[in-house]
Amino acid sequence: MYERFNCRNGNASAYLARPAERLVLEGYRHWTCGFATGDGMSWRSATELYEDILGGHGSATAVQALSDFVSTLGRCATCPLKTFASGSSHICRDEVLVMGLIAGIQNDDEEATALCLSELSCETRCDEVVLAAGAFALVLRGLDKHLLPIPASVLHDILARSHPAWRDTQSNRTLH
């Protein structure tokens, strides 16, 4: 169905247990579900996650930055973006690209950032996406939530073993 982040056993749970990574991935999953289904409980779950991890300090600003990023990505994506359900210990191609984009911005990795942008967004709308992603990444970094780097070589390897969401035959929740 999807390529896994950890190609050895398909489980990315240790990486995803880190608070910064949880904020990005689980926040993205909840917020995307809310946009795709109109379910306000998904947005509430994201807000609660942010409040739990950030202790209320800066959580509203971080949730707003997440919302702006997901909304912008939804308008600018090259194809419908896929997600796993919240709480899954697996990570799909599009989620890896989202994580790679935010990590690339936070870690000043221009190659990883450019790769993720080109895979996620229409060429003419990359500026919009990078501005929203940059705001989100910097808000998190300002709250001491720094993602581990995901080098471009790792992203290339994952992309080589996966396929774009538009070729998926499974009917899963999408952002647009």
N, C-alpha and C. Protein backbone atom coordinates (compact mmCIF):
# COMPACT_ATOMS: atom_id res chain seq x y z
N MET A 1 0.83 -1.18 0.00
CA MET A 1 0.00 0.00 0.00
C MET A 1 0.87 1.25 0.00
N TYR A 2 1.73 1.44 0.99
CA TYR A 2 2.62 2.58 1.08
C TYR A 2 4.01 2.09 1.44
N GLU A 3 5.00 2.82 0.99
CA GLU A 3 6.35 2.56 1.46
C GLU A 3 6.45 3.06 2.89
N ARG A 4 7.23 2.43 3.70
CA ARG A 4 7.37 2.80 5.10
C ARG A 4 8.60 3.66 5.31
N PHE A 5 8.60 4.49 6.33
CA PHE A 5 9.75 5.34 6.63
C PHE A 5 10.95 4.49 6.99
N ASN A 6 10.76 3.45 7.81
CA ASN A 6 11.84 2.54 8.16
C ASN A 6 11.70 1.32 7.26
N CYS A 7 12.56 1.23 6.25
CA CYS A 7 12.41 0.16 5.27
C CYS A 7 12.73 -1.21 5.85
N ARG A 8 13.37 -1.28 6.99
CA ARG A 8 13.72 -2.56 7.59
C ARG A 8 12.50 -3.26 8.18
N ASN A 9 11.68 -2.56 8.95
CA ASN A 9 10.53 -3.23 9.57
C ASN A 9 9.22 -2.47 9.39
N GLY A 10 9.23 -1.37 8.64
CA GLY A 10 8.00 -0.64 8.38
C GLY A 10 7.49 0.17 9.53
N ASN A 11 8.25 0.31 10.59
CA ASN A 11 7.75 1.00 11.77
C ASN A 11 8.61 2.23 12.07
N ALA A 12 7.96 3.36 12.14
CA ALA A 12 8.65 4.62 12.40
C ALA A 12 8.33 5.16 13.78
N SER A 13 7.88 4.31 14.68
CA SER A 13 7.34 4.79 15.96
C SER A 13 8.38 5.50 16.84
N ALA A 14 9.63 5.06 16.86
CA ALA A 14 10.63 5.73 17.72
C ALA A 14 10.87 7.15 17.24
N TYR A 15 11.02 7.32 15.95
CA TYR A 15 11.21 8.66 15.37
C TYR A 15 9.98 9.53 15.64
N LEU A 16 8.81 8.96 15.46
CA LEU A 16 7.57 9.72 15.60
C LEU A 16 7.20 9.99 17.05
N ALA A 17 7.89 9.39 18.00
CA ALA A 17 7.62 9.65 19.42
C ALA A 17 8.26 10.96 19.88
N ARG A 18 9.21 11.48 19.12
CA ARG A 18 9.83 12.76 19.48
C ARG A 18 8.79 13.87 19.42
N PRO A 19 8.76 14.77 20.40
CA PRO A 19 7.72 15.81 20.43
C PRO A 19 7.65 16.67 19.17
N ALA A 20 8.78 17.10 18.64
CA ALA A 20 8.75 17.95 17.44
C ALA A 20 8.15 17.21 16.26
N GLU A 21 8.57 15.97 16.08
CA GLU A 21 8.04 15.18 14.96
C GLU A 21 6.56 14.89 15.15
N ARG A 22 6.14 14.63 16.39
CA ARG A 22 4.71 14.41 16.66
C ARG A 22 3.89 15.64 16.32
N LEU A 23 4.39 16.81 16.70
CA LEU A 23 3.66 18.04 16.40
C LEU A 23 3.45 18.19 14.89
N VAL A 24 4.50 17.94 14.12
CA VAL A 24 4.38 18.10 12.67
C VAL A 24 3.51 17.01 12.06
N LEU A 25 3.85 15.75 12.31
CA LEU A 25 3.14 14.67 11.63
C LEU A 25 1.71 14.50 12.13
N GLU A 26 1.53 14.36 13.44
CA GLU A 26 0.17 14.17 13.96
C GLU A 26 -0.67 15.43 13.76
N GLY A 27 -0.05 16.59 13.92
CA GLY A 27 -0.78 17.83 13.64
C GLY A 27 -1.23 17.88 12.19
N TYR A 28 -0.32 17.53 11.28
CA TYR A 28 -0.65 17.49 9.85
C TYR A 28 -1.77 16.49 9.57
N ARG A 29 -1.69 15.32 10.17
CA ARG A 29 -2.73 14.30 9.95
C ARG A 29 -4.08 14.78 10.45
N HIS A 30 -4.12 15.31 11.67
CA HIS A 30 -5.39 15.80 12.22
C HIS A 30 -5.95 16.94 11.37
N TRP A 31 -5.11 17.91 11.04
CA TRP A 31 -5.59 19.09 10.33
C TRP A 31 -6.04 18.72 8.92
N THR A 32 -5.31 17.83 8.26
CA THR A 32 -5.69 17.38 6.92
C THR A 32 -7.03 16.65 6.97
N CYS A 33 -7.21 15.80 7.97
CA CYS A 33 -8.48 15.09 8.13
C CYS A 33 -9.61 16.09 8.31
N GLY A 34 -9.38 17.12 9.10
CA GLY A 34 -10.39 18.15 9.30
C GLY A 34 -10.76 18.84 8.01
N PHE A 35 -9.76 19.19 7.19
CA PHE A 35 -10.04 19.82 5.90
C PHE A 35 -10.77 18.87 4.96
N ALA A 36 -10.33 17.61 4.93
CA ALA A 36 -10.90 16.65 3.99
C ALA A 36 -12.33 16.25 4.34
N THR A 37 -12.64 16.19 5.63
CA THR A 37 -13.95 15.68 6.05
C THR A 37 -14.86 16.75 6.64
N GLY A 38 -14.29 17.89 6.98
CA GLY A 38 -15.07 18.93 7.65
C GLY A 38 -15.36 18.60 9.11
N ASP A 39 -14.66 17.61 9.63
CA ASP A 39 -14.86 17.15 11.00
C ASP A 39 -14.10 18.04 11.98
N GLY A 40 -14.82 18.84 12.74
CA GLY A 40 -14.20 19.74 13.71
C GLY A 40 -13.46 19.02 14.82
N MET A 41 -13.81 17.77 15.09
CA MET A 41 -13.11 17.01 16.13
C MET A 41 -11.65 16.78 15.75
N SER A 42 -11.37 16.66 14.47
CA SER A 42 -9.98 16.48 14.04
C SER A 42 -9.17 17.72 14.37
N TRP A 43 -9.73 18.90 14.13
CA TRP A 43 -9.03 20.14 14.46
C TRP A 43 -8.86 20.27 15.97
N ARG A 44 -9.87 19.86 16.71
CA ARG A 44 -9.78 19.91 18.17
C ARG A 44 -8.68 18.96 18.67
N SER A 45 -8.58 17.79 18.04
CA SER A 45 -7.52 16.84 18.42
C SER A 45 -6.13 17.44 18.18
N ALA A 46 -5.97 18.15 17.07
CA ALA A 46 -4.68 18.80 16.79
C ALA A 46 -4.39 19.86 17.84
N THR A 47 -5.40 20.65 18.15
CA THR A 47 -5.22 21.71 19.16
C THR A 47 -4.84 21.12 20.51
N GLU A 48 -5.50 20.03 20.89
CA GLU A 48 -5.18 19.37 22.17
C GLU A 48 -3.77 18.80 22.17
N LEU A 49 -3.36 18.22 21.06
CA LEU A 49 -1.99 17.70 20.94
C LEU A 49 -0.98 18.82 21.16
N TYR A 50 -1.21 19.93 20.51
CA TYR A 50 -0.29 21.06 20.64
C TYR A 50 -0.28 21.61 22.06
N GLU A 51 -1.45 21.70 22.68
CA GLU A 51 -1.51 22.18 24.07
C GLU A 51 -0.82 21.20 25.02
N ASP A 52 -0.99 19.90 24.78
CA ASP A 52 -0.34 18.89 25.63
C ASP A 52 1.18 18.97 25.54
N ILE A 53 1.70 19.07 24.33
CA ILE A 53 3.15 19.06 24.14
C ILE A 53 3.77 20.40 24.49
N LEU A 54 3.11 21.48 24.14
CA LEU A 54 3.67 22.81 24.36
C LEU A 54 3.26 23.42 25.69
N GLY A 55 2.35 22.76 26.39
CA GLY A 55 1.90 23.27 27.68
C GLY A 55 1.15 24.58 27.59
N GLY A 56 0.53 24.84 26.48
CA GLY A 56 -0.22 26.08 26.32
C GLY A 56 0.63 27.25 25.87
N HIS A 57 1.93 27.22 26.17
CA HIS A 57 2.84 28.30 25.78
C HIS A 57 3.09 28.25 24.27
N GLY A 58 2.50 29.16 23.53
CA GLY A 58 2.73 29.22 22.09
C GLY A 58 1.89 28.26 21.29
N SER A 59 1.05 27.47 21.94
CA SER A 59 0.30 26.46 21.19
C SER A 59 -0.67 27.09 20.18
N ALA A 60 -1.32 28.19 20.53
CA ALA A 60 -2.26 28.82 19.61
C ALA A 60 -1.54 29.34 18.36
N THR A 61 -0.37 29.92 18.55
CA THR A 61 0.42 30.41 17.41
C THR A 61 0.87 29.25 16.54
N ALA A 62 1.29 28.16 17.15
CA ALA A 62 1.75 27.00 16.40
C ALA A 62 0.59 26.36 15.63
N VAL A 63 -0.58 26.27 16.24
CA VAL A 63 -1.74 25.70 15.56
C VAL A 63 -2.14 26.58 14.38
N GLN A 64 -2.08 27.89 14.54
CA GLN A 64 -2.40 28.79 13.43
C GLN A 64 -1.40 28.62 12.28
N ALA A 65 -0.12 28.47 12.61
CA ALA A 65 0.90 28.24 11.58
C ALA A 65 0.67 26.91 10.88
N LEU A 66 0.30 25.88 11.64
CA LEU A 66 -0.05 24.58 11.05
C LEU A 66 -1.22 24.72 10.10
N SER A 67 -2.27 25.39 10.55
CA SER A 67 -3.47 25.59 9.74
C SER A 67 -3.13 26.31 8.43
N ASP A 68 -2.35 27.37 8.52
CA ASP A 68 -1.95 28.12 7.33
C ASP A 68 -1.15 27.25 6.37
N PHE A 69 -0.24 26.45 6.92
CA PHE A 69 0.58 25.56 6.09
C PHE A 69 -0.28 24.52 5.38
N VAL A 70 -1.14 23.83 6.11
CA VAL A 70 -1.97 22.78 5.51
C VAL A 70 -2.92 23.38 4.47
N SER A 71 -3.50 24.52 4.77
CA SER A 71 -4.40 25.18 3.83
C SER A 71 -3.66 25.57 2.55
N THR A 72 -2.48 26.15 2.69
CA THR A 72 -1.69 26.55 1.53
C THR A 72 -1.28 25.33 0.73
N LEU A 73 -0.81 24.30 1.39
CA LEU A 73 -0.40 23.08 0.70
C LEU A 73 -1.58 22.48 -0.05
N GLY A 74 -2.75 22.51 0.54
CA GLY A 74 -3.94 21.98 -0.12
C GLY A 74 -4.27 22.72 -1.41
N ARG A 75 -4.03 24.01 -1.44
CA ARG A 75 -4.29 24.81 -2.65
C ARG A 75 -3.21 24.63 -3.70
N CYS A 76 -2.00 24.32 -3.28
CA CYS A 76 -0.85 24.35 -4.17
C CYS A 76 -0.29 22.97 -4.53
N ALA A 77 -0.82 21.92 -3.96
CA ALA A 77 -0.27 20.58 -4.19
C ALA A 77 -0.46 20.16 -5.64
N THR A 78 0.49 19.35 -6.11
CA THR A 78 0.43 18.87 -7.49
C THR A 78 -0.64 17.80 -7.67
N CYS A 79 -1.03 17.15 -6.60
CA CYS A 79 -2.04 16.10 -6.66
C CYS A 79 -2.64 15.93 -5.27
N PRO A 80 -3.73 15.20 -5.15
CA PRO A 80 -4.28 14.97 -3.81
C PRO A 80 -3.24 14.30 -2.91
N LEU A 81 -3.04 14.87 -1.73
CA LEU A 81 -2.04 14.35 -0.80
C LEU A 81 -2.65 13.30 0.10
N LYS A 82 -1.90 12.26 0.35
CA LYS A 82 -2.35 11.14 1.18
C LYS A 82 -1.80 11.27 2.60
N THR A 83 -2.54 10.69 3.55
CA THR A 83 -2.07 10.59 4.92
C THR A 83 -2.50 9.25 5.49
N PHE A 84 -1.77 8.80 6.49
CA PHE A 84 -2.26 7.70 7.31
C PHE A 84 -3.15 8.31 8.38
N ALA A 85 -3.95 7.48 9.01
CA ALA A 85 -4.79 7.94 10.11
C ALA A 85 -3.89 8.36 11.28
N SER A 86 -4.38 9.29 12.05
CA SER A 86 -3.66 9.73 13.23
C SER A 86 -3.38 8.53 14.13
N GLY A 87 -2.18 8.51 14.70
CA GLY A 87 -1.80 7.42 15.59
C GLY A 87 -1.10 6.27 14.90
N SER A 88 -1.11 6.25 13.58
CA SER A 88 -0.42 5.18 12.86
C SER A 88 1.08 5.29 13.10
N SER A 89 1.74 4.15 13.22
CA SER A 89 3.20 4.15 13.39
C SER A 89 3.91 4.08 12.04
N HIS A 90 3.15 4.16 10.97
CA HIS A 90 3.72 4.16 9.62
C HIS A 90 3.62 5.56 9.04
N ILE A 91 4.37 5.78 7.99
CA ILE A 91 4.39 7.10 7.36
C ILE A 91 4.44 6.91 5.85
N CYS A 92 3.57 7.61 5.15
CA CYS A 92 3.50 7.46 3.70
C CYS A 92 4.39 8.49 3.00
N ARG A 93 4.51 8.34 1.70
CA ARG A 93 5.38 9.18 0.88
C ARG A 93 5.11 10.67 1.12
N ASP A 94 3.87 11.09 1.03
CA ASP A 94 3.55 12.51 1.16
C ASP A 94 3.86 13.03 2.55
N GLU A 95 3.65 12.19 3.56
CA GLU A 95 3.99 12.59 4.93
C GLU A 95 5.50 12.73 5.10
N VAL A 96 6.27 11.86 4.47
CA VAL A 96 7.73 11.98 4.50
C VAL A 96 8.15 13.31 3.88
N LEU A 97 7.50 13.67 2.78
CA LEU A 97 7.83 14.94 2.12
C LEU A 97 7.48 16.14 2.99
N VAL A 98 6.36 16.08 3.69
CA VAL A 98 5.99 17.17 4.61
C VAL A 98 7.02 17.26 5.73
N MET A 99 7.36 16.11 6.32
CA MET A 99 8.37 16.10 7.39
C MET A 99 9.72 16.60 6.86
N GLY A 100 10.09 16.15 5.66
CA GLY A 100 11.34 16.58 5.05
C GLY A 100 11.39 18.07 4.78
N LEU A 101 10.25 18.63 4.37
CA LEU A 101 10.17 20.06 4.10
C LEU A 101 10.39 20.88 5.38
N ILE A 102 9.66 20.53 6.43
CA ILE A 102 9.80 21.27 7.69
C ILE A 102 11.19 21.05 8.29
N ALA A 103 11.68 19.82 8.27
CA ALA A 103 13.03 19.54 8.78
C ALA A 103 14.09 20.26 7.95
N GLY A 104 13.91 20.27 6.64
CA GLY A 104 14.86 20.96 5.77
C GLY A 104 14.95 22.44 6.07
N ILE A 105 13.80 23.07 6.28
CA ILE A 105 13.78 24.50 6.62
C ILE A 105 14.45 24.73 7.97
N GLN A 106 14.08 23.92 8.97
CA GLN A 106 14.64 24.11 10.31
C GLN A 106 16.15 23.87 10.36
N ASN A 107 16.64 22.97 9.52
CA ASN A 107 18.05 22.59 9.55
C ASN A 107 18.86 23.25 8.43
N ASP A 108 18.27 24.24 7.77
CA ASP A 108 18.94 24.97 6.68
C ASP A 108 19.48 24.04 5.60
N ASP A 109 18.71 23.01 5.26
CA ASP A 109 19.09 22.06 4.22
C ASP A 109 18.34 22.43 2.94
N GLU A 110 18.99 23.25 2.12
CA GLU A 110 18.35 23.75 0.90
C GLU A 110 18.01 22.63 -0.08
N GLU A 111 18.88 21.62 -0.17
CA GLU A 111 18.63 20.53 -1.11
C GLU A 111 17.39 19.74 -0.71
N ALA A 112 17.26 19.39 0.56
CA ALA A 112 16.08 18.65 1.03
C ALA A 112 14.83 19.50 0.88
N THR A 113 14.92 20.77 1.22
CA THR A 113 13.77 21.67 1.11
C THR A 113 13.30 21.76 -0.33
N ALA A 114 14.23 21.99 -1.26
CA ALA A 114 13.87 22.11 -2.68
C ALA A 114 13.27 20.82 -3.22
N LEU A 115 13.83 19.69 -2.83
CA LEU A 115 13.31 18.40 -3.28
C LEU A 115 11.87 18.21 -2.81
N CYS A 116 11.63 18.45 -1.54
CA CYS A 116 10.27 18.28 -1.00
C CYS A 116 9.29 19.24 -1.64
N LEU A 117 9.70 20.48 -1.83
CA LEU A 117 8.83 21.45 -2.50
C LEU A 117 8.46 21.00 -3.90
N SER A 118 9.45 20.54 -4.66
CA SER A 118 9.19 20.13 -6.04
C SER A 118 8.29 18.91 -6.13
N GLU A 119 8.33 18.05 -5.13
CA GLU A 119 7.48 16.86 -5.12
C GLU A 119 6.07 17.14 -4.60
N LEU A 120 5.93 18.14 -3.74
CA LEU A 120 4.63 18.44 -3.13
C LEU A 120 3.82 19.48 -3.88
N SER A 121 4.48 20.44 -4.49
CA SER A 121 3.79 21.63 -4.98
C SER A 121 3.99 21.83 -6.48
N CYS A 122 3.00 22.48 -7.08
CA CYS A 122 3.15 22.94 -8.46
C CYS A 122 4.32 23.92 -8.50
N GLU A 123 5.08 23.88 -9.57
CA GLU A 123 6.26 24.74 -9.69
C GLU A 123 5.91 26.22 -9.52
N THR A 124 4.78 26.63 -10.04
CA THR A 124 4.40 28.04 -9.98
C THR A 124 3.92 28.47 -8.59
N ARG A 125 3.72 27.52 -7.70
CA ARG A 125 3.19 27.85 -6.37
C ARG A 125 4.14 27.49 -5.23
N CYS A 126 5.36 27.12 -5.57
CA CYS A 126 6.34 26.74 -4.54
C CYS A 126 6.60 27.87 -3.56
N ASP A 127 6.60 29.11 -4.04
CA ASP A 127 6.85 30.24 -3.14
C ASP A 127 5.80 30.33 -2.04
N GLU A 128 4.53 30.12 -2.40
CA GLU A 128 3.46 30.16 -1.40
C GLU A 128 3.66 29.07 -0.35
N VAL A 129 3.99 27.87 -0.82
CA VAL A 129 4.17 26.74 0.09
C VAL A 129 5.36 26.97 1.01
N VAL A 130 6.48 27.42 0.45
CA VAL A 130 7.68 27.59 1.28
C VAL A 130 7.48 28.72 2.30
N LEU A 131 6.71 29.73 1.97
CA LEU A 131 6.43 30.79 2.96
C LEU A 131 5.61 30.24 4.12
N ALA A 132 4.56 29.49 3.81
CA ALA A 132 3.72 28.92 4.89
C ALA A 132 4.49 27.87 5.68
N ALA A 133 5.24 27.02 4.97
CA ALA A 133 6.04 25.99 5.66
C ALA A 133 7.12 26.65 6.51
N GLY A 134 7.73 27.70 5.98
CA GLY A 134 8.77 28.40 6.73
C GLY A 134 8.24 29.04 8.00
N ALA A 135 7.06 29.63 7.91
CA ALA A 135 6.45 30.22 9.11
C ALA A 135 6.19 29.14 10.16
N PHE A 136 5.65 28.00 9.72
CA PHE A 136 5.37 26.89 10.62
C PHE A 136 6.66 26.36 11.24
N ALA A 137 7.67 26.13 10.41
CA ALA A 137 8.95 25.60 10.89
C ALA A 137 9.60 26.55 11.90
N LEU A 138 9.54 27.84 11.62
CA LEU A 138 10.18 28.80 12.52
C LEU A 138 9.41 28.98 13.82
N VAL A 139 8.09 28.92 13.77
CA VAL A 139 7.31 28.97 15.02
C VAL A 139 7.70 27.79 15.90
N LEU A 140 7.77 26.59 15.32
CA LEU A 140 8.14 25.41 16.11
C LEU A 140 9.56 25.54 16.66
N ARG A 141 10.47 26.00 15.83
CA ARG A 141 11.85 26.16 16.30
C ARG A 141 11.92 27.19 17.42
N GLY A 142 11.13 28.25 17.32
CA GLY A 142 11.08 29.25 18.38
C GLY A 142 10.53 28.72 19.69
N LEU A 143 9.78 27.61 19.60
CA LEU A 143 9.23 26.95 20.79
C LEU A 143 10.10 25.76 21.21
N ASP A 144 11.34 25.73 20.72
CA ASP A 144 12.31 24.67 21.02
C ASP A 144 11.85 23.30 20.55
N LYS A 145 11.13 23.24 19.46
CA LYS A 145 10.71 21.98 18.86
C LYS A 145 11.38 21.88 17.49
N HIS A 146 12.54 21.24 17.51
CA HIS A 146 13.41 21.16 16.34
C HIS A 146 13.41 19.73 15.81
N LEU A 147 13.03 19.55 14.55
CA LEU A 147 13.02 18.23 13.95
C LEU A 147 14.44 17.76 13.64
N LEU A 148 14.63 16.45 13.70
CA LEU A 148 15.90 15.87 13.26
C LEU A 148 16.03 16.09 11.75
N PRO A 149 17.25 16.25 11.26
CA PRO A 149 17.44 16.41 9.81
C PRO A 149 17.01 15.14 9.07
N ILE A 150 16.48 15.34 7.88
CA ILE A 150 16.21 14.24 6.96
C ILE A 150 16.98 14.60 5.69
N PRO A 151 18.17 14.04 5.51
CA PRO A 151 19.02 14.42 4.38
C PRO A 151 18.35 14.14 3.04
N ALA A 152 18.71 14.93 2.05
CA ALA A 152 18.16 14.76 0.71
C ALA A 152 18.42 13.35 0.18
N SER A 153 19.56 12.76 0.53
CA SER A 153 19.87 11.40 0.06
C SER A 153 18.85 10.39 0.59
N VAL A 154 18.41 10.58 1.83
CA VAL A 154 17.38 9.70 2.41
C VAL A 154 16.05 9.93 1.69
N LEU A 155 15.72 11.18 1.44
CA LEU A 155 14.48 11.49 0.73
C LEU A 155 14.49 10.90 -0.68
N HIS A 156 15.62 11.02 -1.38
CA HIS A 156 15.74 10.43 -2.72
C HIS A 156 15.52 8.93 -2.66
N ASP A 157 16.10 8.27 -1.67
CA ASP A 157 15.94 6.82 -1.52
C ASP A 157 14.48 6.45 -1.28
N ILE A 158 13.81 7.18 -0.42
CA ILE A 158 12.39 6.90 -0.15
C ILE A 158 11.56 7.14 -1.40
N LEU A 159 11.82 8.23 -2.11
CA LEU A 159 11.07 8.53 -3.33
C LEU A 159 11.30 7.47 -4.40
N ALA A 160 12.51 6.94 -4.47
CA ALA A 160 12.82 5.91 -5.47
C ALA A 160 12.04 4.62 -5.21
N ARG A 161 11.68 4.37 -3.96
CA ARG A 161 10.96 3.15 -3.61
C ARG A 161 9.46 3.36 -3.48
N SER A 162 8.99 4.56 -3.74
CA SER A 162 7.57 4.84 -3.59
C SER A 162 7.03 5.38 -4.91
N HIS A 163 5.77 5.72 -4.89
CA HIS A 163 5.17 6.32 -6.07
C HIS A 163 4.27 7.47 -5.64
N PRO A 164 4.08 8.44 -6.53
CA PRO A 164 3.26 9.60 -6.17
C PRO A 164 1.83 9.21 -5.83
N ALA A 165 1.20 10.01 -5.00
CA ALA A 165 -0.17 9.74 -4.56
C ALA A 165 -1.13 9.62 -5.72
N TRP A 166 -0.91 10.35 -6.80
CA TRP A 166 -1.86 10.31 -7.91
C TRP A 166 -1.89 8.95 -8.58
N ARG A 167 -0.89 8.11 -8.36
CA ARG A 167 -0.88 6.77 -8.94
C ARG A 167 -1.45 5.73 -7.99
N ASP A 168 -1.75 6.13 -6.76
CA ASP A 168 -2.33 5.18 -5.82
C ASP A 168 -3.70 4.73 -6.30
N THR A 169 -3.97 3.48 -6.12
CA THR A 169 -5.29 2.98 -6.47
C THR A 169 -6.19 2.87 -5.26
N GLN A 170 -5.62 2.98 -4.06
CA GLN A 170 -6.41 2.93 -2.84
C GLN A 170 -7.17 4.24 -2.67
N SER A 171 -8.39 4.14 -2.22
CA SER A 171 -9.18 5.33 -1.97
C SER A 171 -9.06 5.72 -0.51
N ASN A 172 -8.11 6.58 -0.21
CA ASN A 172 -7.90 7.07 1.16
C ASN A 172 -8.21 8.54 1.23
N ARG A 173 -8.29 9.06 2.44
CA ARG A 173 -8.55 10.47 2.67
C ARG A 173 -7.47 11.31 1.99
N THR A 174 -7.87 12.40 1.33
CA THR A 174 -6.93 13.31 0.70
C THR A 174 -7.24 14.74 1.09
N LEU A 175 -6.27 15.61 0.86
CA LEU A 175 -6.45 17.01 1.20
C LEU A 175 -7.28 17.73 0.15
N HIS A 176 -7.16 17.36 -1.11
CA HIS A 176 -7.98 18.00 -2.15
C HIS A 176 -8.25 17.05 -3.28
